[in-house]
Structures are given as structure tokens and as C-alpha cells.
Amino acid sequence: MEGTLAEATNITFDMRENYNIFCSIVVYPVVPKDVIMLRLIPTAVHTLEDVAYTIETFKTVQEGLREGKYKAEDLAKVDTDQ
């Protein structure tokens, strides 16, 4: 799928805040200039249920991306003055 850096930022924010999955964004120069990659870091403490939950979450996020849920002109911002 295609998307923007702002959309990728919104996706990672949604995954962290609403699904409790930490995901980071990988951009150039680690990947080619026209690629945005989402990175997960599984560990030995993750269970098969965790993996299944993550896969289902990505399916949900993919559908949201297709529907325009993550569309943005600007990067997501978090208010830290609360």
C-alpha cells in the first residue's frame, strides 16, 4: 500500500495508544527514498497469542488506511503540557 509519512505517524500512534503495540517508522536512508516501513521488535516473551493479536491489528489498521482514517497533511502531535 502507499501512504505518507504523516499517515505512518498516525498509524504508529494509533497502534501504541489504542492497541498497545509499539511500532516504529523506518525511512531513508535505511530503506529506499520512496519506502516507509513499519518495524516491530518481537521478543522471546511474546506469545503466539500476541502474534495473532498483532496480525489482526494490522488487518484492522490496513482497512483504516484504505478508508482514509489516517489521512493527514501534518505529522501527529502529542500534547505534553497536560
Protein backbone atom coordinates (compact mmCIF):
# COMPACT_ATOMS: atom_id res chain seq x y z
CA MET A 1 0.00 0.00 0.00
CA GLU A 2 1.04 3.57 -0.48
CA GLY A 3 0.97 6.23 2.16
CA THR A 4 2.69 9.31 3.53
CA LEU A 5 4.99 9.86 6.48
CA ALA A 6 2.13 11.66 8.24
CA GLU A 7 -0.14 8.64 7.76
CA ALA A 8 2.59 6.30 9.03
CA THR A 9 2.99 8.51 12.09
CA ASN A 10 -0.76 8.40 12.74
CA ILE A 11 -0.74 4.61 12.34
CA THR A 12 2.07 4.11 14.84
CA PHE A 13 0.35 6.49 17.28
CA ASP A 14 -2.94 4.58 16.92
CA MET A 15 -1.23 1.22 17.35
CA ARG A 16 0.55 2.37 20.50
CA GLU A 17 -2.32 4.25 22.13
CA ASN A 18 -5.28 2.06 21.12
CA TYR A 19 -3.83 -1.41 20.58
CA ASN A 20 -0.81 -1.42 22.95
CA ILE A 21 1.56 -2.37 20.13
CA PHE A 22 4.83 -0.45 19.82
CA CYS A 23 5.76 0.07 16.20
CA SER A 24 8.37 2.43 14.78
CA ILE A 25 8.79 4.03 11.38
CA VAL A 26 11.81 3.30 9.19
CA VAL A 27 12.65 5.81 6.44
CA TYR A 28 15.51 6.75 4.12
CA PRO A 29 18.49 6.09 4.28
CA VAL A 30 17.66 2.76 5.94
CA VAL A 31 15.14 1.97 3.19
CA PRO A 32 14.85 3.46 -0.33
CA LYS A 33 13.58 7.06 -0.56
CA ASP A 34 10.12 6.09 -1.75
CA VAL A 35 9.56 3.50 1.03
CA ILE A 36 8.14 3.86 4.53
CA MET A 37 8.46 0.70 6.61
CA LEU A 38 6.87 -0.12 9.94
CA ARG A 39 9.15 -2.01 12.31
CA LEU A 40 8.12 -4.37 15.09
CA ILE A 41 10.56 -5.95 17.50
CA PRO A 42 9.31 -9.31 18.76
CA THR A 43 10.99 -10.81 21.81
CA ALA A 44 11.13 -14.22 23.45
CA VAL A 45 8.39 -13.18 25.90
CA HIS A 46 5.83 -12.61 23.13
CA THR A 47 3.34 -15.46 22.83
CA LEU A 48 1.63 -16.90 19.80
CA GLU A 49 -1.48 -15.08 21.03
CA ASP A 50 0.49 -11.82 20.90
CA VAL A 51 1.49 -12.60 17.32
CA ALA A 52 -2.11 -13.39 16.35
CA TYR A 53 -3.32 -10.17 18.02
CA THR A 54 -0.68 -8.16 16.14
CA ILE A 55 -1.68 -9.69 12.80
CA GLU A 56 -5.36 -8.93 13.45
CA THR A 57 -4.44 -5.38 14.47
CA PHE A 58 -2.52 -4.87 11.23
CA LYS A 59 -5.57 -6.08 9.29
CA THR A 60 -7.72 -3.53 11.13
CA VAL A 61 -5.17 -0.76 10.57
CA GLN A 62 -4.87 -1.68 6.88
CA GLU A 63 -8.63 -1.32 6.47
CA GLY A 64 -8.49 2.03 8.27
CA LEU A 65 -5.71 3.14 5.94
CA ARG A 66 -7.80 2.16 2.91
CA GLU A 67 -10.77 4.10 4.33
CA GLY A 68 -8.66 7.22 4.89
CA LYS A 69 -8.68 7.05 8.70
CA TYR A 70 -5.02 8.05 8.93
CA LYS A 71 -5.02 10.79 6.26
CA ALA A 72 -3.15 13.87 7.38
CA GLU A 73 -1.29 16.81 5.95
CA ASP A 74 0.85 17.15 9.05
CA LEU A 75 2.53 14.73 11.41
CA ALA A 76 0.59 13.72 14.52
CA LYS A 77 1.41 15.76 17.60
CA VAL A 78 1.09 14.84 21.25
CA ASP A 79 0.23 17.49 23.82
CA THR A 80 2.84 17.07 26.57
CA ASP A 81 1.68 20.04 28.64
CA GLN A 82 -1.12 18.18 30.41
